[in-house]
Protein backbone atom coordinates (compact mmCIF):
# COMPACT_ATOMS: atom_id res chain seq x y z
CA MET A 1 24.94 19.60 -2.16
CA GLN A 2 22.39 21.98 -3.56
CA GLY A 3 21.34 21.40 -7.17
CA ALA A 4 22.84 17.90 -7.28
CA ASN A 5 21.09 15.43 -9.55
CA THR A 6 19.79 12.45 -7.56
CA ASN A 7 17.75 9.41 -8.50
CA ASP A 8 15.72 9.32 -5.27
CA LEU A 9 12.11 8.85 -6.37
CA SER A 10 10.70 8.02 -2.93
CA LYS A 11 9.10 11.46 -2.59
CA TYR A 12 6.73 10.59 -5.46
CA TYR A 13 5.30 7.47 -3.84
CA SER A 14 3.46 6.59 -0.67
CA LYS A 15 5.60 4.94 1.98
CA PHE A 16 2.73 2.76 3.26
CA ASP A 17 0.66 0.11 1.52
CA ILE A 18 -1.92 -2.44 2.58
CA GLY A 19 -2.71 -5.54 0.60
CA ILE A 20 -3.91 -9.10 0.30
CA ALA A 21 -1.54 -12.07 0.12
CA ILE A 22 -2.23 -15.57 -1.15
CA ALA A 23 0.38 -18.27 -0.64
CA ALA A 24 0.78 -21.99 -1.23
CA ASP A 25 3.41 -24.48 -0.13
CA LEU A 26 3.90 -27.94 -1.62
CA LYS A 27 6.14 -30.36 0.25
CA ILE A 28 7.74 -32.59 -2.40
CA ASN A 29 9.60 -34.92 -0.06
CA ARG A 30 11.47 -34.86 3.24
CA TYR A 31 14.05 -32.39 1.95
CA PHE A 32 12.38 -30.11 -0.62
CA SER A 33 9.31 -27.94 -0.91
CA LEU A 34 8.02 -25.43 -3.48
CA GLU A 35 6.42 -22.15 -2.48
CA ALA A 36 4.43 -19.56 -4.38
CA ARG A 37 3.05 -16.23 -3.17
CA TYR A 38 1.03 -13.44 -4.76
CA ASP A 39 0.61 -10.05 -3.09
CA TYR A 40 -1.96 -7.53 -4.32
CA GLY A 41 -1.62 -3.97 -3.03
CA LEU A 42 -4.95 -2.31 -2.27
CA LYS A 43 -3.67 1.23 -1.80
CA ASN A 44 -2.80 3.62 -4.60
CA ILE A 45 0.89 4.37 -4.04
CA ALA A 46 1.60 6.76 -6.93
CA ASN A 47 0.30 10.31 -7.11
CA THR A 48 2.59 12.72 -8.87
CA THR A 49 2.87 15.18 -11.73
CA LEU A 50 5.50 14.46 -14.36
CA ILE A 51 7.30 17.46 -15.85
CA ASP A 52 10.23 17.75 -18.22
CA TYR A 53 13.45 19.68 -17.58
CA SER A 54 11.87 22.85 -18.99
CA GLY A 55 8.96 22.65 -16.54
CA ASN A 56 6.35 21.56 -19.09
CA LEU A 57 3.61 19.24 -17.87
CA LEU A 58 4.03 15.76 -19.36
CA ASP A 59 1.44 13.71 -17.50
CA ARG A 60 -0.27 13.21 -14.17
CA VAL A 61 0.21 9.76 -12.63
CA VAL A 62 -2.57 9.11 -10.16
CA GLU A 63 -2.63 5.35 -9.91
CA GLY A 64 -0.17 2.61 -9.24
CA ASN A 65 -0.46 -0.44 -7.07
CA ASN A 66 1.98 -3.07 -5.87
CA ARG A 67 1.78 -6.52 -7.43
CA ILE A 68 4.28 -9.17 -6.38
CA ILE A 69 4.76 -12.78 -7.44
CA ALA A 70 7.34 -14.80 -5.51
CA ILE A 71 8.35 -18.39 -6.20
CA GLY A 72 10.76 -20.32 -4.03
CA ILE A 73 12.35 -23.68 -3.38
CA SER A 74 13.22 -24.74 0.16
CA TYR A 75 15.76 -27.31 1.24
CA TYR A 76 15.53 -28.70 4.76
CA PHE A 77 18.72 -29.73 6.56
CA ILE A 78 17.74 -32.81 8.52
CA ARG A 79 19.98 -34.59 11.00
CA GLY A 80 20.47 -38.34 10.74
CA GLU A 81 17.95 -40.72 12.29
CA ARG A 82 18.42 -41.46 15.99
């Protein structure tokens, strides 16, 4: 549909990134462990010009990097002793 309003912003950002990841895993006991991970994106993924509905220039975004923190808990299903 031509002229339809969409929320697809993928055209304003790079589809590829490269980064550094640091992770740690702590085994608490036989069944549980805690995990933490931090990812730091090295590539600038944003490079766009922001305009309003009238076409006036609002700002130029030329930097933006991925930063991710993930924390998890794992449970291990262990069969009975043989």
